[in-house]
Amino acid sequence: AVYFCVRSGPAGAWDYWGQGTQVNV
């Protein structure tokens, strides 16, 4: 998958995202 790290605020909004990184198994 493409794996993202993300910030979530108090209301649950995913407001900031990393660009994502592809991981192949």
PDBML (XML) file of the C-alpha atoms, coordinates in Angstrom:
<?xml version="1.0" encoding="UTF-8" ?>
<PDBx:datablock datablockName="MODEL"
   xmlns:PDBx="http://pdbml.pdb.org/schema/pdbx-v50.xsd"
   xmlns:xsi="http://www.w3.org/2001/XMLSchema-instance"
   xsi:schemaLocation="http://pdbml.pdb.org/schema/pdbx-v50.xsd pdbx-v50.xsd">
   <PDBx:atom_siteCategory>
      <PDBx:atom_site id="1">
         <PDBx:B_iso_or_equiv>0.00</PDBx:B_iso_or_equiv>
         <PDBx:Cartn_x>0.000</PDBx:Cartn_x>
         <PDBx:Cartn_y>0.000</PDBx:Cartn_y>
         <PDBx:Cartn_z>0.000</PDBx:Cartn_z>
         <PDBx:auth_asym_id>A</PDBx:auth_asym_id>
         <PDBx:auth_atom_id>CA</PDBx:auth_atom_id>
         <PDBx:auth_comp_id>ALA</PDBx:auth_comp_id>
         <PDBx:auth_seq_id>1</PDBx:auth_seq_id>
         <PDBx:group_PDB>ATOM</PDBx:group_PDB>
         <PDBx:label_alt_id xsi:nil="true" />
         <PDBx:label_asym_id>A</PDBx:label_asym_id>
         <PDBx:label_atom_id>CA</PDBx:label_atom_id>
         <PDBx:label_comp_id>ALA</PDBx:label_comp_id>
         <PDBx:label_entity_id>1</PDBx:label_entity_id>
         <PDBx:label_seq_id>1</PDBx:label_seq_id>
         <PDBx:occupancy>1.00</PDBx:occupancy>
         <PDBx:pdbx_PDB_model_num>1</PDBx:pdbx_PDB_model_num>
         <PDBx:type_symbol>C</PDBx:type_symbol>
      </PDBx:atom_site>
      <PDBx:atom_site id="2">
         <PDBx:B_iso_or_equiv>0.00</PDBx:B_iso_or_equiv>
         <PDBx:Cartn_x>0.843</PDBx:Cartn_x>
         <PDBx:Cartn_y>3.650</PDBx:Cartn_y>
         <PDBx:Cartn_z>0.069</PDBx:Cartn_z>
         <PDBx:auth_asym_id>A</PDBx:auth_asym_id>
         <PDBx:auth_atom_id>CA</PDBx:auth_atom_id>
         <PDBx:auth_comp_id>VAL</PDBx:auth_comp_id>
         <PDBx:auth_seq_id>2</PDBx:auth_seq_id>
         <PDBx:group_PDB>ATOM</PDBx:group_PDB>
         <PDBx:label_alt_id xsi:nil="true" />
         <PDBx:label_asym_id>A</PDBx:label_asym_id>
         <PDBx:label_atom_id>CA</PDBx:label_atom_id>
         <PDBx:label_comp_id>VAL</PDBx:label_comp_id>
         <PDBx:label_entity_id>1</PDBx:label_entity_id>
         <PDBx:label_seq_id>2</PDBx:label_seq_id>
         <PDBx:occupancy>1.00</PDBx:occupancy>
         <PDBx:pdbx_PDB_model_num>1</PDBx:pdbx_PDB_model_num>
         <PDBx:type_symbol>C</PDBx:type_symbol>
      </PDBx:atom_site>
      <PDBx:atom_site id="3">
         <PDBx:B_iso_or_equiv>0.00</PDBx:B_iso_or_equiv>
         <PDBx:Cartn_x>1.346</PDBx:Cartn_x>
         <PDBx:Cartn_y>4.504</PDBx:Cartn_y>
         <PDBx:Cartn_z>3.717</PDBx:Cartn_z>
         <PDBx:auth_asym_id>A</PDBx:auth_asym_id>
         <PDBx:auth_atom_id>CA</PDBx:auth_atom_id>
         <PDBx:auth_comp_id>TYR</PDBx:auth_comp_id>
         <PDBx:auth_seq_id>3</PDBx:auth_seq_id>
         <PDBx:group_PDB>ATOM</PDBx:group_PDB>
         <PDBx:label_alt_id xsi:nil="true" />
         <PDBx:label_asym_id>A</PDBx:label_asym_id>
         <PDBx:label_atom_id>CA</PDBx:label_atom_id>
         <PDBx:label_comp_id>TYR</PDBx:label_comp_id>
         <PDBx:label_entity_id>1</PDBx:label_entity_id>
         <PDBx:label_seq_id>3</PDBx:label_seq_id>
         <PDBx:occupancy>1.00</PDBx:occupancy>
         <PDBx:pdbx_PDB_model_num>1</PDBx:pdbx_PDB_model_num>
         <PDBx:type_symbol>C</PDBx:type_symbol>
      </PDBx:atom_site>
      <PDBx:atom_site id="4">
         <PDBx:B_iso_or_equiv>0.00</PDBx:B_iso_or_equiv>
         <PDBx:Cartn_x>0.528</PDBx:Cartn_x>
         <PDBx:Cartn_y>7.965</PDBx:Cartn_y>
         <PDBx:Cartn_z>5.012</PDBx:Cartn_z>
         <PDBx:auth_asym_id>A</PDBx:auth_asym_id>
         <PDBx:auth_atom_id>CA</PDBx:auth_atom_id>
         <PDBx:auth_comp_id>PHE</PDBx:auth_comp_id>
         <PDBx:auth_seq_id>4</PDBx:auth_seq_id>
         <PDBx:group_PDB>ATOM</PDBx:group_PDB>
         <PDBx:label_alt_id xsi:nil="true" />
         <PDBx:label_asym_id>A</PDBx:label_asym_id>
         <PDBx:label_atom_id>CA</PDBx:label_atom_id>
         <PDBx:label_comp_id>PHE</PDBx:label_comp_id>
         <PDBx:label_entity_id>1</PDBx:label_entity_id>
         <PDBx:label_seq_id>4</PDBx:label_seq_id>
         <PDBx:occupancy>1.00</PDBx:occupancy>
         <PDBx:pdbx_PDB_model_num>1</PDBx:pdbx_PDB_model_num>
         <PDBx:type_symbol>C</PDBx:type_symbol>
      </PDBx:atom_site>
      <PDBx:atom_site id="5">
         <PDBx:B_iso_or_equiv>0.00</PDBx:B_iso_or_equiv>
         <PDBx:Cartn_x>1.129</PDBx:Cartn_x>
         <PDBx:Cartn_y>9.640</PDBx:Cartn_y>
         <PDBx:Cartn_z>8.311</PDBx:Cartn_z>
         <PDBx:auth_asym_id>A</PDBx:auth_asym_id>
         <PDBx:auth_atom_id>CA</PDBx:auth_atom_id>
         <PDBx:auth_comp_id>CYS</PDBx:auth_comp_id>
         <PDBx:auth_seq_id>5</PDBx:auth_seq_id>
         <PDBx:group_PDB>ATOM</PDBx:group_PDB>
         <PDBx:label_alt_id xsi:nil="true" />
         <PDBx:label_asym_id>A</PDBx:label_asym_id>
         <PDBx:label_atom_id>CA</PDBx:label_atom_id>
         <PDBx:label_comp_id>CYS</PDBx:label_comp_id>
         <PDBx:label_entity_id>1</PDBx:label_entity_id>
         <PDBx:label_seq_id>5</PDBx:label_seq_id>
         <PDBx:occupancy>1.00</PDBx:occupancy>
         <PDBx:pdbx_PDB_model_num>1</PDBx:pdbx_PDB_model_num>
         <PDBx:type_symbol>C</PDBx:type_symbol>
      </PDBx:atom_site>
      <PDBx:atom_site id="6">
         <PDBx:B_iso_or_equiv>0.00</PDBx:B_iso_or_equiv>
         <PDBx:Cartn_x>-1.641</PDBx:Cartn_x>
         <PDBx:Cartn_y>12.061</PDBx:Cartn_y>
         <PDBx:Cartn_z>9.208</PDBx:Cartn_z>
         <PDBx:auth_asym_id>A</PDBx:auth_asym_id>
         <PDBx:auth_atom_id>CA</PDBx:auth_atom_id>
         <PDBx:auth_comp_id>VAL</PDBx:auth_comp_id>
         <PDBx:auth_seq_id>6</PDBx:auth_seq_id>
         <PDBx:group_PDB>ATOM</PDBx:group_PDB>
         <PDBx:label_alt_id xsi:nil="true" />
         <PDBx:label_asym_id>A</PDBx:label_asym_id>
         <PDBx:label_atom_id>CA</PDBx:label_atom_id>
         <PDBx:label_comp_id>VAL</PDBx:label_comp_id>
         <PDBx:label_entity_id>1</PDBx:label_entity_id>
         <PDBx:label_seq_id>6</PDBx:label_seq_id>
         <PDBx:occupancy>1.00</PDBx:occupancy>
         <PDBx:pdbx_PDB_model_num>1</PDBx:pdbx_PDB_model_num>
         <PDBx:type_symbol>C</PDBx:type_symbol>
      </PDBx:atom_site>
      <PDBx:atom_site id="7">
         <PDBx:B_iso_or_equiv>0.00</PDBx:B_iso_or_equiv>
         <PDBx:Cartn_x>-2.592</PDBx:Cartn_x>
         <PDBx:Cartn_y>14.483</PDBx:Cartn_y>
         <PDBx:Cartn_z>11.941</PDBx:Cartn_z>
         <PDBx:auth_asym_id>A</PDBx:auth_asym_id>
         <PDBx:auth_atom_id>CA</PDBx:auth_atom_id>
         <PDBx:auth_comp_id>ARG</PDBx:auth_comp_id>
         <PDBx:auth_seq_id>7</PDBx:auth_seq_id>
         <PDBx:group_PDB>ATOM</PDBx:group_PDB>
         <PDBx:label_alt_id xsi:nil="true" />
         <PDBx:label_asym_id>A</PDBx:label_asym_id>
         <PDBx:label_atom_id>CA</PDBx:label_atom_id>
         <PDBx:label_comp_id>ARG</PDBx:label_comp_id>
         <PDBx:label_entity_id>1</PDBx:label_entity_id>
         <PDBx:label_seq_id>7</PDBx:label_seq_id>
         <PDBx:occupancy>1.00</PDBx:occupancy>
         <PDBx:pdbx_PDB_model_num>1</PDBx:pdbx_PDB_model_num>
         <PDBx:type_symbol>C</PDBx:type_symbol>
      </PDBx:atom_site>
      <PDBx:atom_site id="8">
         <PDBx:B_iso_or_equiv>0.00</PDBx:B_iso_or_equiv>
         <PDBx:Cartn_x>-6.077</PDBx:Cartn_x>
         <PDBx:Cartn_y>14.340</PDBx:Cartn_y>
         <PDBx:Cartn_z>13.400</PDBx:Cartn_z>
         <PDBx:auth_asym_id>A</PDBx:auth_asym_id>
         <PDBx:auth_atom_id>CA</PDBx:auth_atom_id>
         <PDBx:auth_comp_id>SER</PDBx:auth_comp_id>
         <PDBx:auth_seq_id>8</PDBx:auth_seq_id>
         <PDBx:group_PDB>ATOM</PDBx:group_PDB>
         <PDBx:label_alt_id xsi:nil="true" />
         <PDBx:label_asym_id>A</PDBx:label_asym_id>
         <PDBx:label_atom_id>CA</PDBx:label_atom_id>
         <PDBx:label_comp_id>SER</PDBx:label_comp_id>
         <PDBx:label_entity_id>1</PDBx:label_entity_id>
         <PDBx:label_seq_id>8</PDBx:label_seq_id>
         <PDBx:occupancy>1.00</PDBx:occupancy>
         <PDBx:pdbx_PDB_model_num>1</PDBx:pdbx_PDB_model_num>
         <PDBx:type_symbol>C</PDBx:type_symbol>
      </PDBx:atom_site>
      <PDBx:atom_site id="9">
         <PDBx:B_iso_or_equiv>0.00</PDBx:B_iso_or_equiv>
         <PDBx:Cartn_x>-7.584</PDBx:Cartn_x>
         <PDBx:Cartn_y>17.246</PDBx:Cartn_y>
         <PDBx:Cartn_z>15.311</PDBx:Cartn_z>
         <PDBx:auth_asym_id>A</PDBx:auth_asym_id>
         <PDBx:auth_atom_id>CA</PDBx:auth_atom_id>
         <PDBx:auth_comp_id>GLY</PDBx:auth_comp_id>
         <PDBx:auth_seq_id>9</PDBx:auth_seq_id>
         <PDBx:group_PDB>ATOM</PDBx:group_PDB>
         <PDBx:label_alt_id xsi:nil="true" />
         <PDBx:label_asym_id>A</PDBx:label_asym_id>
         <PDBx:label_atom_id>CA</PDBx:label_atom_id>
         <PDBx:label_comp_id>GLY</PDBx:label_comp_id>
         <PDBx:label_entity_id>1</PDBx:label_entity_id>
         <PDBx:label_seq_id>9</PDBx:label_seq_id>
         <PDBx:occupancy>1.00</PDBx:occupancy>
         <PDBx:pdbx_PDB_model_num>1</PDBx:pdbx_PDB_model_num>
         <PDBx:type_symbol>C</PDBx:type_symbol>
      </PDBx:atom_site>
      <PDBx:atom_site id="10">
         <PDBx:B_iso_or_equiv>0.00</PDBx:B_iso_or_equiv>
         <PDBx:Cartn_x>-10.033</PDBx:Cartn_x>
         <PDBx:Cartn_y>17.241</PDBx:Cartn_y>
         <PDBx:Cartn_z>18.221</PDBx:Cartn_z>
         <PDBx:auth_asym_id>A</PDBx:auth_asym_id>
         <PDBx:auth_atom_id>CA</PDBx:auth_atom_id>
         <PDBx:auth_comp_id>PRO</PDBx:auth_comp_id>
         <PDBx:auth_seq_id>10</PDBx:auth_seq_id>
         <PDBx:group_PDB>ATOM</PDBx:group_PDB>
         <PDBx:label_alt_id xsi:nil="true" />
         <PDBx:label_asym_id>A</PDBx:label_asym_id>
         <PDBx:label_atom_id>CA</PDBx:label_atom_id>
         <PDBx:label_comp_id>PRO</PDBx:label_comp_id>
         <PDBx:label_entity_id>1</PDBx:label_entity_id>
         <PDBx:label_seq_id>10</PDBx:label_seq_id>
         <PDBx:occupancy>1.00</PDBx:occupancy>
         <PDBx:pdbx_PDB_model_num>1</PDBx:pdbx_PDB_model_num>
         <PDBx:type_symbol>C</PDBx:type_symbol>
      </PDBx:atom_site>
      <PDBx:atom_site id="11">
         <PDBx:B_iso_or_equiv>0.00</PDBx:B_iso_or_equiv>
         <PDBx:Cartn_x>-13.034</PDBx:Cartn_x>
         <PDBx:Cartn_y>16.921</PDBx:Cartn_y>
         <PDBx:Cartn_z>15.909</PDBx:Cartn_z>
         <PDBx:auth_asym_id>A</PDBx:auth_asym_id>
         <PDBx:auth_atom_id>CA</PDBx:auth_atom_id>
         <PDBx:auth_comp_id>ALA</PDBx:auth_comp_id>
         <PDBx:auth_seq_id>11</PDBx:auth_seq_id>
         <PDBx:group_PDB>ATOM</PDBx:group_PDB>
         <PDBx:label_alt_id xsi:nil="true" />
         <PDBx:label_asym_id>A</PDBx:label_asym_id>
         <PDBx:label_atom_id>CA</PDBx:label_atom_id>
         <PDBx:label_comp_id>ALA</PDBx:label_comp_id>
         <PDBx:label_entity_id>1</PDBx:label_entity_id>
         <PDBx:label_seq_id>11</PDBx:label_seq_id>
         <PDBx:occupancy>1.00</PDBx:occupancy>
         <PDBx:pdbx_PDB_model_num>1</PDBx:pdbx_PDB_model_num>
         <PDBx:type_symbol>C</PDBx:type_symbol>
      </PDBx:atom_site>
      <PDBx:atom_site id="12">
         <PDBx:B_iso_or_equiv>0.00</PDBx:B_iso_or_equiv>
         <PDBx:Cartn_x>-11.480</PDBx:Cartn_x>
         <PDBx:Cartn_y>14.025</PDBx:Cartn_y>
         <PDBx:Cartn_z>14.057</PDBx:Cartn_z>
         <PDBx:auth_asym_id>A</PDBx:auth_asym_id>
         <PDBx:auth_atom_id>CA</PDBx:auth_atom_id>
         <PDBx:auth_comp_id>GLY</PDBx:auth_comp_id>
         <PDBx:auth_seq_id>12</PDBx:auth_seq_id>
         <PDBx:group_PDB>ATOM</PDBx:group_PDB>
         <PDBx:label_alt_id xsi:nil="true" />
         <PDBx:label_asym_id>A</PDBx:label_asym_id>
         <PDBx:label_atom_id>CA</PDBx:label_atom_id>
         <PDBx:label_comp_id>GLY</PDBx:label_comp_id>
         <PDBx:label_entity_id>1</PDBx:label_entity_id>
         <PDBx:label_seq_id>12</PDBx:label_seq_id>
         <PDBx:occupancy>1.00</PDBx:occupancy>
         <PDBx:pdbx_PDB_model_num>1</PDBx:pdbx_PDB_model_num>
         <PDBx:type_symbol>C</PDBx:type_symbol>
      </PDBx:atom_site>
      <PDBx:atom_site id="13">
         <PDBx:B_iso_or_equiv>0.00</PDBx:B_iso_or_equiv>
         <PDBx:Cartn_x>-10.482</PDBx:Cartn_x>
         <PDBx:Cartn_y>15.944</PDBx:Cartn_y>
         <PDBx:Cartn_z>10.950</PDBx:Cartn_z>
         <PDBx:auth_asym_id>A</PDBx:auth_asym_id>
         <PDBx:auth_atom_id>CA</PDBx:auth_atom_id>
         <PDBx:auth_comp_id>ALA</PDBx:auth_comp_id>
         <PDBx:auth_seq_id>13</PDBx:auth_seq_id>
         <PDBx:group_PDB>ATOM</PDBx:group_PDB>
         <PDBx:label_alt_id xsi:nil="true" />
         <PDBx:label_asym_id>A</PDBx:label_asym_id>
         <PDBx:label_atom_id>CA</PDBx:label_atom_id>
         <PDBx:label_comp_id>ALA</PDBx:label_comp_id>
         <PDBx:label_entity_id>1</PDBx:label_entity_id>
         <PDBx:label_seq_id>13</PDBx:label_seq_id>
         <PDBx:occupancy>1.00</PDBx:occupancy>
         <PDBx:pdbx_PDB_model_num>1</PDBx:pdbx_PDB_model_num>
         <PDBx:type_symbol>C</PDBx:type_symbol>
      </PDBx:atom_site>
      <PDBx:atom_site id="14">
         <PDBx:B_iso_or_equiv>0.00</PDBx:B_iso_or_equiv>
         <PDBx:Cartn_x>-7.426</PDBx:Cartn_x>
         <PDBx:Cartn_y>14.627</PDBx:Cartn_y>
         <PDBx:Cartn_z>9.166</PDBx:Cartn_z>
         <PDBx:auth_asym_id>A</PDBx:auth_asym_id>
         <PDBx:auth_atom_id>CA</PDBx:auth_atom_id>
         <PDBx:auth_comp_id>TRP</PDBx:auth_comp_id>
         <PDBx:auth_seq_id>14</PDBx:auth_seq_id>
         <PDBx:group_PDB>ATOM</PDBx:group_PDB>
         <PDBx:label_alt_id xsi:nil="true" />
         <PDBx:label_asym_id>A</PDBx:label_asym_id>
         <PDBx:label_atom_id>CA</PDBx:label_atom_id>
         <PDBx:label_comp_id>TRP</PDBx:label_comp_id>
         <PDBx:label_entity_id>1</PDBx:label_entity_id>
         <PDBx:label_seq_id>14</PDBx:label_seq_id>
         <PDBx:occupancy>1.00</PDBx:occupancy>
         <PDBx:pdbx_PDB_model_num>1</PDBx:pdbx_PDB_model_num>
         <PDBx:type_symbol>C</PDBx:type_symbol>
      </PDBx:atom_site>
      <PDBx:atom_site id="15">
         <PDBx:B_iso_or_equiv>0.00</PDBx:B_iso_or_equiv>
         <PDBx:Cartn_x>-6.012</PDBx:Cartn_x>
         <PDBx:Cartn_y>18.059</PDBx:Cartn_y>
         <PDBx:Cartn_z>8.544</PDBx:Cartn_z>
         <PDBx:auth_asym_id>A</PDBx:auth_asym_id>
         <PDBx:auth_atom_id>CA</PDBx:auth_atom_id>
         <PDBx:auth_comp_id>ASP</PDBx:auth_comp_id>
         <PDBx:auth_seq_id>15</PDBx:auth_seq_id>
         <PDBx:group_PDB>ATOM</PDBx:group_PDB>
         <PDBx:label_alt_id xsi:nil="true" />
         <PDBx:label_asym_id>A</PDBx:label_asym_id>
         <PDBx:label_atom_id>CA</PDBx:label_atom_id>
         <PDBx:label_comp_id>ASP</PDBx:label_comp_id>
         <PDBx:label_entity_id>1</PDBx:label_entity_id>
         <PDBx:label_seq_id>15</PDBx:label_seq_id>
         <PDBx:occupancy>1.00</PDBx:occupancy>
         <PDBx:pdbx_PDB_model_num>1</PDBx:pdbx_PDB_model_num>
         <PDBx:type_symbol>C</PDBx:type_symbol>
      </PDBx:atom_site>
      <PDBx:atom_site id="16">
         <PDBx:B_iso_or_equiv>0.00</PDBx:B_iso_or_equiv>
         <PDBx:Cartn_x>-2.399</PDBx:Cartn_x>
         <PDBx:Cartn_y>17.444</PDBx:Cartn_y>
         <PDBx:Cartn_z>7.582</PDBx:Cartn_z>
         <PDBx:auth_asym_id>A</PDBx:auth_asym_id>
         <PDBx:auth_atom_id>CA</PDBx:auth_atom_id>
         <PDBx:auth_comp_id>TYR</PDBx:auth_comp_id>
         <PDBx:auth_seq_id>16</PDBx:auth_seq_id>
         <PDBx:group_PDB>ATOM</PDBx:group_PDB>
         <PDBx:label_alt_id xsi:nil="true" />
         <PDBx:label_asym_id>A</PDBx:label_asym_id>
         <PDBx:label_atom_id>CA</PDBx:label_atom_id>
         <PDBx:label_comp_id>TYR</PDBx:label_comp_id>
         <PDBx:label_entity_id>1</PDBx:label_entity_id>
         <PDBx:label_seq_id>16</PDBx:label_seq_id>
         <PDBx:occupancy>1.00</PDBx:occupancy>
         <PDBx:pdbx_PDB_model_num>1</PDBx:pdbx_PDB_model_num>
         <PDBx:type_symbol>C</PDBx:type_symbol>
      </PDBx:atom_site>
      <PDBx:atom_site id="17">
         <PDBx:B_iso_or_equiv>0.00</PDBx:B_iso_or_equiv>
         <PDBx:Cartn_x>-0.998</PDBx:Cartn_x>
         <PDBx:Cartn_y>14.587</PDBx:Cartn_y>
         <PDBx:Cartn_z>5.551</PDBx:Cartn_z>
         <PDBx:auth_asym_id>A</PDBx:auth_asym_id>
         <PDBx:auth_atom_id>CA</PDBx:auth_atom_id>
         <PDBx:auth_comp_id>TRP</PDBx:auth_comp_id>
         <PDBx:auth_seq_id>17</PDBx:auth_seq_id>
         <PDBx:group_PDB>ATOM</PDBx:group_PDB>
         <PDBx:label_alt_id xsi:nil="true" />
         <PDBx:label_asym_id>A</PDBx:label_asym_id>
         <PDBx:label_atom_id>CA</PDBx:label_atom_id>
         <PDBx:label_comp_id>TRP</PDBx:label_comp_id>
         <PDBx:label_entity_id>1</PDBx:label_entity_id>
         <PDBx:label_seq_id>17</PDBx:label_seq_id>
         <PDBx:occupancy>1.00</PDBx:occupancy>
         <PDBx:pdbx_PDB_model_num>1</PDBx:pdbx_PDB_model_num>
         <PDBx:type_symbol>C</PDBx:type_symbol>
      </PDBx:atom_site>
      <PDBx:atom_site id="18">
         <PDBx:B_iso_or_equiv>0.00</PDBx:B_iso_or_equiv>
         <PDBx:Cartn_x>2.383</PDBx:Cartn_x>
         <PDBx:Cartn_y>13.360</PDBx:Cartn_y>
         <PDBx:Cartn_z>4.558</PDBx:Cartn_z>
         <PDBx:auth_asym_id>A</PDBx:auth_asym_id>
         <PDBx:auth_atom_id>CA</PDBx:auth_atom_id>
         <PDBx:auth_comp_id>GLY</PDBx:auth_comp_id>
         <PDBx:auth_seq_id>18</PDBx:auth_seq_id>
         <PDBx:group_PDB>ATOM</PDBx:group_PDB>
         <PDBx:label_alt_id xsi:nil="true" />
         <PDBx:label_asym_id>A</PDBx:label_asym_id>
         <PDBx:label_atom_id>CA</PDBx:label_atom_id>
         <PDBx:label_comp_id>GLY</PDBx:label_comp_id>
         <PDBx:label_entity_id>1</PDBx:label_entity_id>
         <PDBx:label_seq_id>18</PDBx:label_seq_id>
         <PDBx:occupancy>1.00</PDBx:occupancy>
         <PDBx:pdbx_PDB_model_num>1</PDBx:pdbx_PDB_model_num>
         <PDBx:type_symbol>C</PDBx:type_symbol>
      </PDBx:atom_site>
      <PDBx:atom_site id="19">
         <PDBx:B_iso_or_equiv>0.00</PDBx:B_iso_or_equiv>
         <PDBx:Cartn_x>3.005</PDBx:Cartn_x>
         <PDBx:Cartn_y>12.794</PDBx:Cartn_y>
         <PDBx:Cartn_z>0.884</PDBx:Cartn_z>
         <PDBx:auth_asym_id>A</PDBx:auth_asym_id>
         <PDBx:auth_atom_id>CA</PDBx:auth_atom_id>
         <PDBx:auth_comp_id>GLN</PDBx:auth_comp_id>
         <PDBx:auth_seq_id>19</PDBx:auth_seq_id>
         <PDBx:group_PDB>ATOM</PDBx:group_PDB>
         <PDBx:label_alt_id xsi:nil="true" />
         <PDBx:label_asym_id>A</PDBx:label_asym_id>
         <PDBx:label_atom_id>CA</PDBx:label_atom_id>
         <PDBx:label_comp_id>GLN</PDBx:label_comp_id>
         <PDBx:label_entity_id>1</PDBx:label_entity_id>
         <PDBx:label_seq_id>19</PDBx:label_seq_id>
         <PDBx:occupancy>1.00</PDBx:occupancy>
         <PDBx:pdbx_PDB_model_num>1</PDBx:pdbx_PDB_model_num>
         <PDBx:type_symbol>C</PDBx:type_symbol>
      </PDBx:atom_site>
      <PDBx:atom_site id="20">
         <PDBx:B_iso_or_equiv>0.00</PDBx:B_iso_or_equiv>
         <PDBx:Cartn_x>2.756</PDBx:Cartn_x>
         <PDBx:Cartn_y>9.048</PDBx:Cartn_y>
         <PDBx:Cartn_z>1.333</PDBx:Cartn_z>
         <PDBx:auth_asym_id>A</PDBx:auth_asym_id>
         <PDBx:auth_atom_id>CA</PDBx:auth_atom_id>
         <PDBx:auth_comp_id>GLY</PDBx:auth_comp_id>
         <PDBx:auth_seq_id>20</PDBx:auth_seq_id>
         <PDBx:group_PDB>ATOM</PDBx:group_PDB>
         <PDBx:label_alt_id xsi:nil="true" />
         <PDBx:label_asym_id>A</PDBx:label_asym_id>
         <PDBx:label_atom_id>CA</PDBx:label_atom_id>
         <PDBx:label_comp_id>GLY</PDBx:label_comp_id>
         <PDBx:label_entity_id>1</PDBx:label_entity_id>
         <PDBx:label_seq_id>20</PDBx:label_seq_id>
         <PDBx:occupancy>1.00</PDBx:occupancy>
         <PDBx:pdbx_PDB_model_num>1</PDBx:pdbx_PDB_model_num>
         <PDBx:type_symbol>C</PDBx:type_symbol>
      </PDBx:atom_site>
      <PDBx:atom_site id="21">
         <PDBx:B_iso_or_equiv>0.00</PDBx:B_iso_or_equiv>
         <PDBx:Cartn_x>5.320</PDBx:Cartn_x>
         <PDBx:Cartn_y>6.362</PDBx:Cartn_y>
         <PDBx:Cartn_z>0.738</PDBx:Cartn_z>
         <PDBx:auth_asym_id>A</PDBx:auth_asym_id>
         <PDBx:auth_atom_id>CA</PDBx:auth_atom_id>
         <PDBx:auth_comp_id>THR</PDBx:auth_comp_id>
         <PDBx:auth_seq_id>21</PDBx:auth_seq_id>
         <PDBx:group_PDB>ATOM</PDBx:group_PDB>
         <PDBx:label_alt_id xsi:nil="true" />
         <PDBx:label_asym_id>A</PDBx:label_asym_id>
         <PDBx:label_atom_id>CA</PDBx:label_atom_id>
         <PDBx:label_comp_id>THR</PDBx:label_comp_id>
         <PDBx:label_entity_id>1</PDBx:label_entity_id>
         <PDBx:label_seq_id>21</PDBx:label_seq_id>
         <PDBx:occupancy>1.00</PDBx:occupancy>
         <PDBx:pdbx_PDB_model_num>1</PDBx:pdbx_PDB_model_num>
         <PDBx:type_symbol>C</PDBx:type_symbol>
      </PDBx:atom_site>
      <PDBx:atom_site id="22">
         <PDBx:B_iso_or_equiv>0.00</PDBx:B_iso_or_equiv>
         <PDBx:Cartn_x>4.864</PDBx:Cartn_x>
         <PDBx:Cartn_y>3.240</PDBx:Cartn_y>
         <PDBx:Cartn_z>-1.355</PDBx:Cartn_z>
         <PDBx:auth_asym_id>A</PDBx:auth_asym_id>
         <PDBx:auth_atom_id>CA</PDBx:auth_atom_id>
         <PDBx:auth_comp_id>GLN</PDBx:auth_comp_id>
         <PDBx:auth_seq_id>22</PDBx:auth_seq_id>
         <PDBx:group_PDB>ATOM</PDBx:group_PDB>
         <PDBx:label_alt_id xsi:nil="true" />
         <PDBx:label_asym_id>A</PDBx:label_asym_id>
         <PDBx:label_atom_id>CA</PDBx:label_atom_id>
         <PDBx:label_comp_id>GLN</PDBx:label_comp_id>
         <PDBx:label_entity_id>1</PDBx:label_entity_id>
         <PDBx:label_seq_id>22</PDBx:label_seq_id>
         <PDBx:occupancy>1.00</PDBx:occupancy>
         <PDBx:pdbx_PDB_model_num>1</PDBx:pdbx_PDB_model_num>
         <PDBx:type_symbol>C</PDBx:type_symbol>
      </PDBx:atom_site>
      <PDBx:atom_site id="23">
         <PDBx:B_iso_or_equiv>0.00</PDBx:B_iso_or_equiv>
         <PDBx:Cartn_x>5.627</PDBx:Cartn_x>
         <PDBx:Cartn_y>-0.012</PDBx:Cartn_y>
         <PDBx:Cartn_z>0.402</PDBx:Cartn_z>
         <PDBx:auth_asym_id>A</PDBx:auth_asym_id>
         <PDBx:auth_atom_id>CA</PDBx:auth_atom_id>
         <PDBx:auth_comp_id>VAL</PDBx:auth_comp_id>
         <PDBx:auth_seq_id>23</PDBx:auth_seq_id>
         <PDBx:group_PDB>ATOM</PDBx:group_PDB>
         <PDBx:label_alt_id xsi:nil="true" />
         <PDBx:label_asym_id>A</PDBx:label_asym_id>
         <PDBx:label_atom_id>CA</PDBx:label_atom_id>
         <PDBx:label_comp_id>VAL</PDBx:label_comp_id>
         <PDBx:label_entity_id>1</PDBx:label_entity_id>
         <PDBx:label_seq_id>23</PDBx:label_seq_id>
         <PDBx:occupancy>1.00</PDBx:occupancy>
         <PDBx:pdbx_PDB_model_num>1</PDBx:pdbx_PDB_model_num>
         <PDBx:type_symbol>C</PDBx:type_symbol>
      </PDBx:atom_site>
      <PDBx:atom_site id="24">
         <PDBx:B_iso_or_equiv>0.00</PDBx:B_iso_or_equiv>
         <PDBx:Cartn_x>5.667</PDBx:Cartn_x>
         <PDBx:Cartn_y>-3.197</PDBx:Cartn_y>
         <PDBx:Cartn_z>-1.632</PDBx:Cartn_z>
         <PDBx:auth_asym_id>A</PDBx:auth_asym_id>
         <PDBx:auth_atom_id>CA</PDBx:auth_atom_id>
         <PDBx:auth_comp_id>ASN</PDBx:auth_comp_id>
         <PDBx:auth_seq_id>24</PDBx:auth_seq_id>
         <PDBx:group_PDB>ATOM</PDBx:group_PDB>
         <PDBx:label_alt_id xsi:nil="true" />
         <PDBx:label_asym_id>A</PDBx:label_asym_id>
         <PDBx:label_atom_id>CA</PDBx:label_atom_id>
         <PDBx:label_comp_id>ASN</PDBx:label_comp_id>
         <PDBx:label_entity_id>1</PDBx:label_entity_id>
         <PDBx:label_seq_id>24</PDBx:label_seq_id>
         <PDBx:occupancy>1.00</PDBx:occupancy>
         <PDBx:pdbx_PDB_model_num>1</PDBx:pdbx_PDB_model_num>
         <PDBx:type_symbol>C</PDBx:type_symbol>
      </PDBx:atom_site>
      <PDBx:atom_site id="25">
         <PDBx:B_iso_or_equiv>0.00</PDBx:B_iso_or_equiv>
         <PDBx:Cartn_x>5.565</PDBx:Cartn_x>
         <PDBx:Cartn_y>-6.576</PDBx:Cartn_y>
         <PDBx:Cartn_z>0.062</PDBx:Cartn_z>
         <PDBx:auth_asym_id>A</PDBx:auth_asym_id>
         <PDBx:auth_atom_id>CA</PDBx:auth_atom_id>
         <PDBx:auth_comp_id>VAL</PDBx:auth_comp_id>
         <PDBx:auth_seq_id>25</PDBx:auth_seq_id>
         <PDBx:group_PDB>ATOM</PDBx:group_PDB>
         <PDBx:label_alt_id xsi:nil="true" />
         <PDBx:label_asym_id>A</PDBx:label_asym_id>
         <PDBx:label_atom_id>CA</PDBx:label_atom_id>
         <PDBx:label_comp_id>VAL</PDBx:label_comp_id>
         <PDBx:label_entity_id>1</PDBx:label_entity_id>
         <PDBx:label_seq_id>25</PDBx:label_seq_id>
         <PDBx:occupancy>1.00</PDBx:occupancy>
         <PDBx:pdbx_PDB_model_num>1</PDBx:pdbx_PDB_model_num>
         <PDBx:type_symbol>C</PDBx:type_symbol>
      </PDBx:atom_site>
   </PDBx:atom_siteCategory>
</PDBx:datablock>
